[in-house]
């Protein structure tokens, strides 16, 4: 199994941005868990140009990442029927992600704290569905990696980690475990590192 340079770079850039992008936004704007909704609204309204720029960057990077994930599915020889399903899942995931980003790109002055809080709840719901859809895609890829024996040992381990993280996210959504208690942060980092690892593997080995 071989990954093209374009696909590998998409995974590397996507993995890095997945981990660092949100950190950059949070640190640049001084966002923290102890901020009240009113304070967060004020920060968002005072930094509309910054948020719009990062929204555009996020959209571009995640579109590139989604394309690269689809090419990984193609490389591991996902069957036509399941490949079409994975494509639909990724397109839907990307649409939800863009909708989520668009909500916070330009927040008008007349926005109230109550409506901003409602937006935050909607955003969380969209994020949860995005996690479900991306998790299903990685479970499909993992299934065909197992079935076809695609890739080397490192690739299989990284795909297995992504599949395991998808299952953890599913369990978290069912409130079986509390992902807000440190586990969510760890899974978030592992998602990005695993994607980055697959990308680096694709660039540095002839057969990933």
N, C-alpha and C. Protein backbone atom coordinates (compact mmCIF):
# COMPACT_ATOMS: atom_id res chain seq x y z
N UNK A 1 0.84 -1.19 0.00
CA UNK A 1 0.00 0.00 0.00
C UNK A 1 0.88 1.24 0.00
N UNK A 2 0.56 2.19 -0.89
CA UNK A 2 1.37 3.39 -1.03
C UNK A 2 0.49 4.63 -0.96
N UNK A 3 0.96 5.65 -0.25
CA UNK A 3 0.25 6.92 -0.16
C UNK A 3 1.02 7.96 -0.97
N UNK A 4 0.30 8.77 -1.73
CA UNK A 4 0.95 9.82 -2.51
C UNK A 4 1.45 10.92 -1.58
N UNK A 5 2.35 11.75 -2.10
CA UNK A 5 2.86 12.87 -1.31
C UNK A 5 1.74 13.86 -0.96
N UNK A 6 0.83 14.07 -1.91
CA UNK A 6 -0.28 14.99 -1.67
C UNK A 6 -1.14 14.49 -0.51
N UNK A 7 -1.43 13.18 -0.52
CA UNK A 7 -2.22 12.59 0.57
C UNK A 7 -1.47 12.67 1.90
N UNK A 8 -0.19 12.33 1.87
CA UNK A 8 0.62 12.35 3.09
C UNK A 8 0.70 13.74 3.70
N UNK A 9 0.91 14.75 2.85
CA UNK A 9 0.97 16.12 3.36
C UNK A 9 -0.37 16.58 3.90
N UNK A 10 -1.45 16.11 3.29
CA UNK A 10 -2.77 16.44 3.81
C UNK A 10 -2.97 15.91 5.22
N UNK A 11 -2.48 14.70 5.48
CA UNK A 11 -2.59 14.11 6.81
C UNK A 11 -1.67 14.81 7.81
N UNK A 12 -0.48 15.19 7.35
CA UNK A 12 0.47 15.89 8.23
C UNK A 12 -0.07 17.26 8.62
N UNK A 13 -0.46 18.03 7.61
CA UNK A 13 -0.98 19.38 7.88
C UNK A 13 -2.26 19.31 8.70
N UNK A 14 -3.15 18.37 8.33
CA UNK A 14 -4.40 18.21 9.07
C UNK A 14 -4.18 17.79 10.50
N UNK A 15 -3.25 16.84 10.71
CA UNK A 15 -2.95 16.38 12.06
C UNK A 15 -2.37 17.48 12.94
N UNK A 16 -1.42 18.25 12.37
CA UNK A 16 -0.82 19.35 13.11
C UNK A 16 -1.86 20.43 13.44
N UNK A 17 -2.67 20.76 12.43
CA UNK A 17 -3.67 21.82 12.63
C UNK A 17 -4.74 21.37 13.61
N UNK A 18 -5.06 20.06 13.58
CA UNK A 18 -6.05 19.49 14.49
C UNK A 18 -5.62 19.73 15.93
N UNK A 19 -4.32 19.57 16.20
CA UNK A 19 -3.81 19.73 17.56
C UNK A 19 -3.53 21.20 17.89
N UNK A 20 -2.83 21.89 16.97
CA UNK A 20 -2.33 23.23 17.27
C UNK A 20 -3.31 24.35 16.95
N UNK A 21 -4.18 24.14 15.94
CA UNK A 21 -5.06 25.21 15.50
C UNK A 21 -5.94 25.76 16.59
N UNK A 22 -6.63 24.87 17.30
CA UNK A 22 -7.53 25.31 18.37
C UNK A 22 -6.74 25.93 19.53
N UNK A 23 -5.53 25.37 19.77
CA UNK A 23 -4.68 25.94 20.83
C UNK A 23 -4.28 27.37 20.49
N UNK A 24 -3.92 27.60 19.22
CA UNK A 24 -3.50 28.94 18.78
C UNK A 24 -4.63 29.94 18.97
N UNK A 25 -5.84 29.53 18.57
CA UNK A 25 -7.00 30.42 18.71
C UNK A 25 -7.25 30.73 20.19
N UNK A 26 -7.28 29.68 21.02
CA UNK A 26 -7.55 29.86 22.44
C UNK A 26 -6.52 30.73 23.13
N UNK A 27 -5.23 30.48 22.84
CA UNK A 27 -4.16 31.24 23.49
C UNK A 27 -4.12 32.67 22.97
N UNK A 28 -4.36 32.86 21.67
CA UNK A 28 -4.31 34.20 21.08
C UNK A 28 -5.42 35.10 21.63
N UNK A 29 -6.58 34.50 21.87
CA UNK A 29 -7.72 35.28 22.35
C UNK A 29 -7.87 35.27 23.87
N UNK A 30 -7.02 34.49 24.53
CA UNK A 30 -7.10 34.44 25.99
C UNK A 30 -8.32 33.69 26.49
N UNK A 31 -8.78 32.72 25.70
CA UNK A 31 -9.95 31.94 26.11
C UNK A 31 -9.54 30.90 27.14
N UNK A 32 -10.39 30.68 28.13
CA UNK A 32 -10.13 29.70 29.17
C UNK A 32 -11.45 29.17 29.69
N UNK A 33 -11.37 28.03 30.40
CA UNK A 33 -12.59 27.40 30.91
C UNK A 33 -13.33 28.27 31.92
N UNK A 34 -12.59 29.19 32.58
CA UNK A 34 -13.24 30.01 33.61
C UNK A 34 -13.89 31.27 33.05
N UNK A 35 -13.86 31.45 31.74
CA UNK A 35 -14.50 32.62 31.12
C UNK A 35 -16.02 32.43 31.12
N UNK A 36 -16.73 33.51 31.43
CA UNK A 36 -18.20 33.46 31.39
C UNK A 36 -18.66 33.63 29.94
N UNK A 37 -19.90 33.21 29.61
CA UNK A 37 -20.41 33.41 28.25
C UNK A 37 -20.35 34.88 27.81
N UNK A 38 -20.61 35.80 28.74
CA UNK A 38 -20.55 37.23 28.41
C UNK A 38 -19.14 37.64 28.01
N UNK A 39 -18.14 37.13 28.72
CA UNK A 39 -16.75 37.44 28.39
C UNK A 39 -16.35 36.84 27.05
N UNK A 40 -16.79 35.61 26.80
CA UNK A 40 -16.48 34.96 25.52
C UNK A 40 -17.13 35.69 24.36
N UNK A 41 -18.36 36.16 24.55
CA UNK A 41 -19.05 36.92 23.51
C UNK A 41 -18.30 38.21 23.20
N UNK A 42 -17.85 38.90 24.24
CA UNK A 42 -17.10 40.16 24.05
C UNK A 42 -15.81 39.90 23.28
N UNK A 43 -15.11 38.82 23.63
CA UNK A 43 -13.87 38.47 22.94
C UNK A 43 -14.15 38.18 21.46
N UNK A 44 -15.21 37.43 21.19
CA UNK A 44 -15.56 37.08 19.81
C UNK A 44 -15.91 38.32 18.99
N UNK A 45 -16.66 39.23 19.59
CA UNK A 45 -17.07 40.45 18.88
C UNK A 45 -15.90 41.41 18.67
N UNK A 46 -14.93 41.36 19.55
CA UNK A 46 -13.75 42.24 19.42
C UNK A 46 -12.70 41.69 18.46
N UNK A 47 -12.86 40.43 18.06
CA UNK A 47 -11.84 39.79 17.22
C UNK A 47 -12.46 39.11 16.00
N UNK A 48 -13.43 39.78 15.38
CA UNK A 48 -14.15 39.17 14.26
C UNK A 48 -13.23 38.88 13.07
N UNK A 49 -12.31 39.80 12.76
CA UNK A 49 -11.40 39.60 11.62
C UNK A 49 -10.49 38.40 11.86
N UNK A 50 -9.97 38.30 13.09
CA UNK A 50 -9.10 37.17 13.46
C UNK A 50 -9.85 35.85 13.34
N UNK A 51 -11.07 35.80 13.87
CA UNK A 51 -11.87 34.58 13.82
C UNK A 51 -12.27 34.23 12.39
N UNK A 52 -12.56 35.24 11.58
CA UNK A 52 -12.91 34.99 10.18
C UNK A 52 -11.72 34.38 9.44
N UNK A 53 -10.52 34.92 9.67
CA UNK A 53 -9.32 34.39 9.03
C UNK A 53 -9.08 32.94 9.43
N UNK A 54 -9.17 32.67 10.73
CA UNK A 54 -8.95 31.30 11.19
C UNK A 54 -10.06 30.37 10.73
N UNK A 55 -11.28 30.88 10.61
CA UNK A 55 -12.37 30.06 10.08
C UNK A 55 -12.08 29.61 8.66
N UNK A 56 -11.56 30.52 7.84
CA UNK A 56 -11.21 30.19 6.46
C UNK A 56 -10.08 29.17 6.42
N UNK A 57 -9.06 29.37 7.28
CA UNK A 57 -7.93 28.43 7.33
C UNK A 57 -8.39 27.05 7.78
N UNK A 58 -9.24 27.00 8.82
CA UNK A 58 -9.78 25.73 9.30
C UNK A 58 -10.54 25.02 8.18
N UNK A 59 -11.37 25.75 7.46
CA UNK A 59 -12.16 25.15 6.39
C UNK A 59 -11.26 24.55 5.32
N UNK A 60 -10.22 25.30 4.92
CA UNK A 60 -9.31 24.83 3.87
C UNK A 60 -8.53 23.60 4.32
N UNK A 61 -8.01 23.64 5.55
CA UNK A 61 -7.20 22.53 6.05
C UNK A 61 -8.04 21.27 6.22
N UNK A 62 -9.24 21.40 6.79
CA UNK A 62 -10.05 20.22 7.03
C UNK A 62 -10.63 19.64 5.74
N UNK A 63 -10.85 20.48 4.72
CA UNK A 63 -11.26 19.96 3.42
C UNK A 63 -10.13 19.13 2.82
N UNK A 64 -8.90 19.62 2.95
CA UNK A 64 -7.71 18.90 2.47
C UNK A 64 -7.55 17.59 3.25
N UNK A 65 -7.77 17.65 4.56
CA UNK A 65 -7.66 16.45 5.39
C UNK A 65 -8.71 15.42 5.01
N UNK A 66 -9.95 15.86 4.79
CA UNK A 66 -11.03 14.94 4.41
C UNK A 66 -10.69 14.24 3.09
N UNK A 67 -10.16 14.99 2.13
CA UNK A 67 -9.74 14.42 0.85
C UNK A 67 -8.65 13.37 1.06
N UNK A 68 -7.70 13.67 1.94
CA UNK A 68 -6.60 12.74 2.20
C UNK A 68 -7.08 11.47 2.88
N UNK A 69 -8.02 11.61 3.82
CA UNK A 69 -8.58 10.43 4.49
C UNK A 69 -9.30 9.54 3.48
N UNK A 70 -10.00 10.16 2.55
CA UNK A 70 -10.70 9.40 1.51
C UNK A 70 -9.70 8.64 0.64
N UNK A 71 -8.55 9.25 0.38
CA UNK A 71 -7.52 8.59 -0.43
C UNK A 71 -6.85 7.46 0.34
N UNK A 72 -6.79 7.57 1.68
CA UNK A 72 -6.31 6.45 2.49
C UNK A 72 -7.28 5.27 2.35
N UNK A 73 -8.58 5.57 2.39
CA UNK A 73 -9.59 4.52 2.22
C UNK A 73 -9.42 3.84 0.86
N UNK A 74 -9.11 4.62 -0.15
CA UNK A 74 -8.89 4.07 -1.48
C UNK A 74 -7.64 3.20 -1.50
N UNK A 75 -6.58 3.65 -0.79
CA UNK A 75 -5.31 2.93 -0.78
C UNK A 75 -5.42 1.57 -0.09
N UNK A 76 -6.27 1.46 0.93
CA UNK A 76 -6.41 0.18 1.63
C UNK A 76 -7.45 -0.72 0.97
N UNK A 77 -7.92 -0.25 -0.21
CA UNK A 77 -8.86 -1.03 -1.03
C UNK A 77 -10.20 -1.28 -0.34
N UNK A 78 -10.78 -0.21 0.18
CA UNK A 78 -12.16 -0.28 0.67
C UNK A 78 -13.06 -0.57 -0.52
N UNK A 79 -13.99 -1.50 -0.37
CA UNK A 79 -14.86 -1.90 -1.49
C UNK A 79 -15.69 -0.71 -1.98
N UNK A 80 -16.17 -0.79 -3.22
CA UNK A 80 -16.89 0.33 -3.84
C UNK A 80 -18.08 0.79 -3.00
N UNK A 81 -18.86 -0.17 -2.47
CA UNK A 81 -20.05 0.18 -1.70
C UNK A 81 -19.67 0.93 -0.43
N UNK A 82 -18.68 0.42 0.30
CA UNK A 82 -18.26 1.05 1.55
C UNK A 82 -17.49 2.35 1.29
N UNK A 83 -16.79 2.41 0.15
CA UNK A 83 -16.08 3.64 -0.20
C UNK A 83 -17.08 4.77 -0.46
N UNK A 84 -18.17 4.44 -1.13
CA UNK A 84 -19.21 5.44 -1.38
C UNK A 84 -19.82 5.91 -0.05
N UNK A 85 -20.04 4.97 0.86
CA UNK A 85 -20.58 5.31 2.18
C UNK A 85 -19.61 6.22 2.94
N UNK A 86 -18.31 5.87 2.89
CA UNK A 86 -17.30 6.70 3.56
C UNK A 86 -17.26 8.10 2.96
N UNK A 87 -17.41 8.19 1.66
CA UNK A 87 -17.41 9.50 0.99
C UNK A 87 -18.59 10.35 1.46
N UNK A 88 -19.77 9.73 1.55
CA UNK A 88 -20.96 10.45 2.01
C UNK A 88 -20.76 10.93 3.45
N UNK A 89 -20.20 10.05 4.29
CA UNK A 89 -19.94 10.42 5.69
C UNK A 89 -18.99 11.62 5.78
N UNK A 90 -17.92 11.60 4.97
CA UNK A 90 -16.94 12.68 5.02
C UNK A 90 -17.51 13.99 4.49
N UNK A 91 -18.30 13.91 3.42
CA UNK A 91 -18.92 15.12 2.87
C UNK A 91 -19.87 15.74 3.90
N UNK A 92 -20.67 14.88 4.55
CA UNK A 92 -21.60 15.36 5.58
C UNK A 92 -20.84 15.95 6.76
N UNK A 93 -19.77 15.26 7.17
CA UNK A 93 -18.93 15.74 8.27
C UNK A 93 -18.36 17.12 7.95
N UNK A 94 -17.87 17.28 6.72
CA UNK A 94 -17.28 18.55 6.32
C UNK A 94 -18.33 19.66 6.30
N UNK A 95 -19.53 19.33 5.84
CA UNK A 95 -20.62 20.33 5.82
C UNK A 95 -20.97 20.79 7.23
N UNK A 96 -21.05 19.84 8.17
CA UNK A 96 -21.35 20.19 9.57
C UNK A 96 -20.23 21.03 10.18
N UNK A 97 -18.99 20.66 9.85
CA UNK A 97 -17.85 21.40 10.36
C UNK A 97 -17.85 22.84 9.85
N UNK A 98 -18.13 23.01 8.57
CA UNK A 98 -18.18 24.36 7.99
C UNK A 98 -19.32 25.18 8.60
N UNK A 99 -20.45 24.52 8.84
CA UNK A 99 -21.58 25.22 9.48
C UNK A 99 -21.20 25.66 10.89
N UNK A 100 -20.47 24.80 11.58
CA UNK A 100 -20.02 25.11 12.94
C UNK A 100 -19.07 26.31 12.94
N UNK A 101 -18.13 26.30 12.00
CA UNK A 101 -17.18 27.40 11.90
C UNK A 101 -17.87 28.71 11.53
N UNK A 102 -18.83 28.61 10.60
CA UNK A 102 -19.51 29.81 10.09
C UNK A 102 -20.25 30.55 11.20
N UNK A 103 -20.76 29.81 12.18
CA UNK A 103 -21.52 30.45 13.26
C UNK A 103 -20.70 31.46 14.05
N UNK A 104 -19.39 31.18 14.16
CA UNK A 104 -18.55 32.02 15.02
C UNK A 104 -17.60 32.93 14.24
N UNK A 105 -17.70 32.92 12.91
CA UNK A 105 -16.81 33.76 12.11
C UNK A 105 -17.14 35.24 12.25
N UNK A 106 -18.41 35.57 12.16
CA UNK A 106 -18.84 36.96 12.27
C UNK A 106 -20.05 37.05 13.19
N UNK A 107 -19.82 37.47 14.42
CA UNK A 107 -20.90 37.58 15.40
C UNK A 107 -21.33 39.05 15.49
N UNK A 108 -22.55 39.39 15.07
CA UNK A 108 -22.99 40.79 15.06
C UNK A 108 -23.09 41.39 16.46
N UNK A 109 -23.05 42.70 16.52
CA UNK A 109 -23.08 43.43 17.79
C UNK A 109 -24.37 43.17 18.58
N UNK A 110 -25.48 42.94 17.85
CA UNK A 110 -26.76 42.76 18.53
C UNK A 110 -26.94 41.37 19.15
N UNK A 111 -25.94 40.51 19.00
CA UNK A 111 -26.02 39.17 19.59
C UNK A 111 -26.07 39.27 21.12
N UNK A 112 -27.02 38.58 21.72
CA UNK A 112 -27.15 38.60 23.19
C UNK A 112 -26.40 37.43 23.80
N UNK A 113 -26.18 37.51 25.10
CA UNK A 113 -25.50 36.42 25.81
C UNK A 113 -26.33 35.14 25.70
N UNK A 114 -27.66 35.28 25.77
CA UNK A 114 -28.54 34.11 25.69
C UNK A 114 -28.42 33.43 24.32
N UNK A 115 -28.43 34.22 23.25
CA UNK A 115 -28.33 33.63 21.92
C UNK A 115 -26.93 33.05 21.69
N UNK A 116 -25.91 33.69 22.26
CA UNK A 116 -24.55 33.18 22.15
C UNK A 116 -24.41 31.84 22.87
N UNK A 117 -25.05 31.73 24.04
CA UNK A 117 -25.05 30.47 24.78
C UNK A 117 -25.76 29.38 23.99
N UNK A 118 -26.88 29.74 23.35
CA UNK A 118 -27.60 28.77 22.50
C UNK A 118 -26.73 28.33 21.34
N UNK A 119 -25.99 29.28 20.74
CA UNK A 119 -25.06 28.95 19.65
C UNK A 119 -24.01 27.95 20.11
N UNK A 120 -23.54 28.13 21.34
CA UNK A 120 -22.52 27.24 21.89
C UNK A 120 -23.06 25.83 22.04
N UNK A 121 -24.32 25.70 22.47
CA UNK A 121 -24.95 24.38 22.59
C UNK A 121 -25.11 23.73 21.22
N UNK A 122 -25.53 24.52 20.24
CA UNK A 122 -25.67 24.00 18.87
C UNK A 122 -24.31 23.56 18.34
N UNK A 123 -23.29 24.37 18.62
CA UNK A 123 -21.93 24.05 18.18
C UNK A 123 -21.46 22.73 18.76
N UNK A 124 -21.76 22.50 20.04
CA UNK A 124 -21.37 21.25 20.69
C UNK A 124 -22.06 20.06 20.05
N UNK A 125 -23.34 20.23 19.71
CA UNK A 125 -24.08 19.15 19.04
C UNK A 125 -23.50 18.85 17.67
N UNK A 126 -23.15 19.90 16.93
CA UNK A 126 -22.54 19.71 15.61
C UNK A 126 -21.18 19.01 15.74
N UNK A 127 -20.41 19.39 16.76
CA UNK A 127 -19.11 18.77 16.99
C UNK A 127 -19.26 17.29 17.32
N UNK A 128 -20.26 16.97 18.14
CA UNK A 128 -20.51 15.57 18.48
C UNK A 128 -20.85 14.75 17.24
N UNK A 129 -21.70 15.30 16.37
CA UNK A 129 -22.07 14.58 15.16
C UNK A 129 -20.87 14.45 14.22
N UNK A 130 -20.05 15.49 14.16
CA UNK A 130 -18.82 15.43 13.35
C UNK A 130 -17.92 14.31 13.83
N UNK A 131 -17.78 14.16 15.15
CA UNK A 131 -16.97 13.09 15.73
C UNK A 131 -17.53 11.72 15.37
N UNK A 132 -18.85 11.59 15.41
CA UNK A 132 -19.49 10.32 15.07
C UNK A 132 -19.21 9.94 13.62
N UNK A 133 -19.39 10.90 12.72
CA UNK A 133 -19.20 10.62 11.29
C UNK A 133 -17.75 10.28 10.97
N UNK A 134 -16.81 11.06 11.52
CA UNK A 134 -15.40 10.76 11.26
C UNK A 134 -15.00 9.42 11.89
N UNK A 135 -15.57 9.12 13.06
CA UNK A 135 -15.30 7.84 13.71
C UNK A 135 -15.76 6.66 12.87
N UNK A 136 -16.93 6.79 12.26
CA UNK A 136 -17.44 5.73 11.39
C UNK A 136 -16.52 5.50 10.19
N UNK A 137 -15.99 6.60 9.65
CA UNK A 137 -15.07 6.48 8.51
C UNK A 137 -13.83 5.68 8.91
N UNK A 138 -13.26 5.99 10.08
CA UNK A 138 -12.05 5.29 10.51
C UNK A 138 -12.34 3.84 10.88
N UNK A 139 -13.53 3.55 11.35
CA UNK A 139 -13.89 2.15 11.60
C UNK A 139 -13.99 1.38 10.29
N UNK A 140 -14.52 2.02 9.25
CA UNK A 140 -14.59 1.39 7.93
C UNK A 140 -13.18 1.11 7.42
N UNK A 141 -12.31 2.12 7.50
CA UNK A 141 -10.93 1.95 7.03
C UNK A 141 -10.23 0.85 7.83
N UNK A 142 -10.40 0.86 9.15
CA UNK A 142 -9.77 -0.16 10.00
C UNK A 142 -10.25 -1.56 9.64
N UNK A 143 -11.54 -1.67 9.34
CA UNK A 143 -12.10 -2.97 8.96
C UNK A 143 -11.45 -3.52 7.71
N UNK A 144 -11.22 -2.67 6.73
CA UNK A 144 -10.62 -3.13 5.47
C UNK A 144 -9.10 -3.30 5.58
N UNK A 145 -8.47 -2.56 6.48
CA UNK A 145 -7.05 -2.81 6.76
C UNK A 145 -6.89 -4.21 7.34
N UNK A 146 -7.79 -4.57 8.26
CA UNK A 146 -7.77 -5.90 8.86
C UNK A 146 -8.09 -6.97 7.83
N UNK A 147 -9.10 -6.72 7.01
CA UNK A 147 -9.54 -7.69 6.02
C UNK A 147 -8.49 -7.93 4.93
N UNK A 148 -7.89 -6.83 4.44
CA UNK A 148 -6.97 -6.93 3.30
C UNK A 148 -5.50 -7.00 3.71
N UNK A 149 -5.23 -6.82 5.01
CA UNK A 149 -3.84 -6.83 5.47
C UNK A 149 -3.03 -5.70 4.89
N UNK A 150 -3.67 -4.55 4.66
CA UNK A 150 -3.01 -3.43 4.00
C UNK A 150 -2.05 -2.71 4.94
N UNK A 151 -0.91 -2.28 4.39
CA UNK A 151 0.03 -1.47 5.15
C UNK A 151 0.97 -2.26 6.04
N UNK A 152 2.01 -1.56 6.52
CA UNK A 152 2.96 -2.20 7.42
C UNK A 152 2.45 -2.16 8.87
N UNK A 153 3.27 -2.66 9.78
CA UNK A 153 2.84 -2.78 11.17
C UNK A 153 2.53 -1.42 11.80
N UNK A 154 3.39 -0.43 11.53
CA UNK A 154 3.18 0.90 12.12
C UNK A 154 1.87 1.50 11.63
N UNK A 155 1.62 1.37 10.32
CA UNK A 155 0.37 1.89 9.75
C UNK A 155 -0.83 1.22 10.41
N UNK A 156 -0.77 -0.09 10.57
CA UNK A 156 -1.88 -0.83 11.18
C UNK A 156 -2.11 -0.38 12.63
N UNK A 157 -1.03 -0.13 13.35
CA UNK A 157 -1.16 0.32 14.75
C UNK A 157 -1.82 1.70 14.80
N UNK A 158 -1.40 2.61 13.92
CA UNK A 158 -1.97 3.96 13.90
C UNK A 158 -3.45 3.94 13.52
N UNK A 159 -3.81 3.11 12.55
CA UNK A 159 -5.22 2.98 12.16
C UNK A 159 -6.02 2.37 13.31
N UNK A 160 -5.42 1.39 14.00
CA UNK A 160 -6.10 0.76 15.14
C UNK A 160 -6.34 1.79 16.25
N UNK A 161 -5.37 2.68 16.47
CA UNK A 161 -5.54 3.74 17.47
C UNK A 161 -6.70 4.65 17.10
N UNK A 162 -6.78 5.04 15.82
CA UNK A 162 -7.88 5.90 15.36
C UNK A 162 -9.23 5.21 15.52
N UNK A 163 -9.28 3.91 15.23
CA UNK A 163 -10.53 3.16 15.39
C UNK A 163 -10.91 3.08 16.87
N UNK A 164 -9.92 2.86 17.73
CA UNK A 164 -10.16 2.79 19.17
C UNK A 164 -10.65 4.14 19.71
N UNK A 165 -10.04 5.22 19.22
CA UNK A 165 -10.47 6.56 19.63
C UNK A 165 -11.91 6.84 19.20
N UNK A 166 -12.27 6.34 18.02
CA UNK A 166 -13.65 6.50 17.54
C UNK A 166 -14.62 5.81 18.50
N UNK A 167 -14.26 4.61 18.95
CA UNK A 167 -15.11 3.87 19.88
C UNK A 167 -15.21 4.62 21.22
N UNK A 168 -14.07 5.16 21.68
CA UNK A 168 -14.06 5.94 22.93
C UNK A 168 -14.99 7.14 22.81
N UNK A 169 -14.94 7.82 21.65
CA UNK A 169 -15.83 8.97 21.43
C UNK A 169 -17.29 8.56 21.46
N UNK A 170 -17.60 7.41 20.83
CA UNK A 170 -18.99 6.92 20.83
C UNK A 170 -19.46 6.66 22.26
N UNK A 171 -18.60 6.01 23.05
CA UNK A 171 -18.95 5.71 24.44
C UNK A 171 -19.14 7.00 25.23
N UNK A 172 -18.27 7.99 24.95
CA UNK A 172 -18.38 9.28 25.63
C UNK A 172 -19.69 9.97 25.34
N UNK A 173 -20.17 9.88 24.11
CA UNK A 173 -21.44 10.51 23.74
C UNK A 173 -22.62 9.85 24.44
N UNK A 174 -22.45 8.58 24.80
CA UNK A 174 -23.50 7.85 25.51
C UNK A 174 -23.43 8.08 27.02
N UNK A 175 -22.47 8.94 27.44
CA UNK A 175 -22.28 9.28 28.86
C UNK A 175 -21.86 8.09 29.71
N UNK A 176 -21.25 7.09 29.06
CA UNK A 176 -20.72 5.96 29.83
C UNK A 176 -19.44 6.38 30.55
N UNK A 177 -18.64 7.23 29.86
CA UNK A 177 -17.46 7.81 30.50
C UNK A 177 -17.51 9.32 30.29
N UNK A 178 -16.80 10.05 31.14
CA UNK A 178 -16.79 11.51 31.06
C UNK A 178 -15.56 11.97 30.30
N UNK A 179 -15.73 12.35 29.04
CA UNK A 179 -14.60 12.78 28.23
C UNK A 179 -14.13 14.18 28.59
N UNK A 180 -14.91 14.89 29.41
CA UNK A 180 -14.49 16.23 29.82
C UNK A 180 -13.46 16.17 30.94
N UNK A 181 -13.27 15.00 31.50
CA UNK A 181 -12.39 14.86 32.67
C UNK A 181 -10.99 14.46 32.25
N UNK A 182 -10.39 15.17 31.33
CA UNK A 182 -9.02 14.87 30.92
C UNK A 182 -8.93 13.88 29.79
N UNK A 183 -9.88 12.94 29.72
CA UNK A 183 -9.84 11.92 28.67
C UNK A 183 -10.05 12.56 27.30
N UNK A 184 -10.97 13.53 27.24
CA UNK A 184 -11.25 14.20 25.98
C UNK A 184 -10.02 14.87 25.41
N UNK A 185 -9.22 15.50 26.28
CA UNK A 185 -8.00 16.18 25.83
C UNK A 185 -7.00 15.17 25.27
N UNK A 186 -6.85 14.04 25.96
CA UNK A 186 -5.91 13.01 25.51
C UNK A 186 -6.33 12.43 24.16
N UNK A 187 -7.63 12.13 24.00
CA UNK A 187 -8.09 11.57 22.73
C UNK A 187 -7.91 12.58 21.60
N UNK A 188 -8.14 13.85 21.89
CA UNK A 188 -7.97 14.92 20.90
C UNK A 188 -6.52 14.96 20.40
N UNK A 189 -5.55 14.90 21.34
CA UNK A 189 -4.13 14.89 20.98
C UNK A 189 -3.79 13.64 20.17
N UNK A 190 -4.31 12.49 20.61
CA UNK A 190 -4.01 11.22 19.92
C UNK A 190 -4.56 11.20 18.50
N UNK A 191 -5.75 11.79 18.29
CA UNK A 191 -6.31 11.89 16.94
C UNK A 191 -5.29 12.59 16.03
N UNK A 192 -4.85 13.77 16.47
CA UNK A 192 -3.93 14.56 15.65
C UNK A 192 -2.60 13.87 15.43
N UNK A 193 -2.03 13.29 16.48
CA UNK A 193 -0.73 12.63 16.38
C UNK A 193 -0.81 11.40 15.46
N UNK A 194 -1.90 10.65 15.54
CA UNK A 194 -2.06 9.46 14.69
C UNK A 194 -2.16 9.85 13.22
N UNK A 195 -2.93 10.89 12.92
CA UNK A 195 -3.03 11.37 11.53
C UNK A 195 -1.67 11.85 11.05
N UNK A 196 -0.98 12.60 11.89
CA UNK A 196 0.36 13.08 11.57
C UNK A 196 1.30 11.91 11.30
N UNK A 197 1.22 10.88 12.15
CA UNK A 197 2.08 9.71 12.01
C UNK A 197 1.87 8.99 10.69
N UNK A 198 0.61 8.83 10.29
CA UNK A 198 0.32 8.17 9.01
C UNK A 198 0.87 8.99 7.85
N UNK A 199 0.74 10.33 7.94
CA UNK A 199 1.28 11.20 6.90
C UNK A 199 2.79 11.10 6.79
N UNK A 200 3.48 11.13 7.92
CA UNK A 200 4.95 11.01 7.93
C UNK A 200 5.36 9.65 7.38
N UNK A 201 4.63 8.61 7.76
CA UNK A 201 4.90 7.26 7.27
C UNK A 201 4.78 7.20 5.75
N UNK A 202 3.75 7.87 5.22
CA UNK A 202 3.55 7.89 3.77
C UNK A 202 4.67 8.59 3.03
N UNK A 203 5.27 9.60 3.67
CA UNK A 203 6.37 10.34 3.03
C UNK A 203 7.70 9.62 3.13
N UNK A 204 7.91 8.89 4.20
CA UNK A 204 9.24 8.33 4.48
C UNK A 204 9.41 6.88 4.09
N UNK A 205 8.34 6.20 3.73
CA UNK A 205 8.46 4.79 3.34
C UNK A 205 7.82 4.55 1.98
N UNK A 206 8.38 3.62 1.23
CA UNK A 206 7.81 3.29 -0.08
C UNK A 206 6.49 2.56 0.08
N UNK A 207 6.41 1.73 1.11
CA UNK A 207 5.18 0.98 1.38
C UNK A 207 4.72 1.30 2.79
N UNK A 208 3.70 2.16 2.93
CA UNK A 208 3.23 2.55 4.27
C UNK A 208 2.51 1.40 4.94
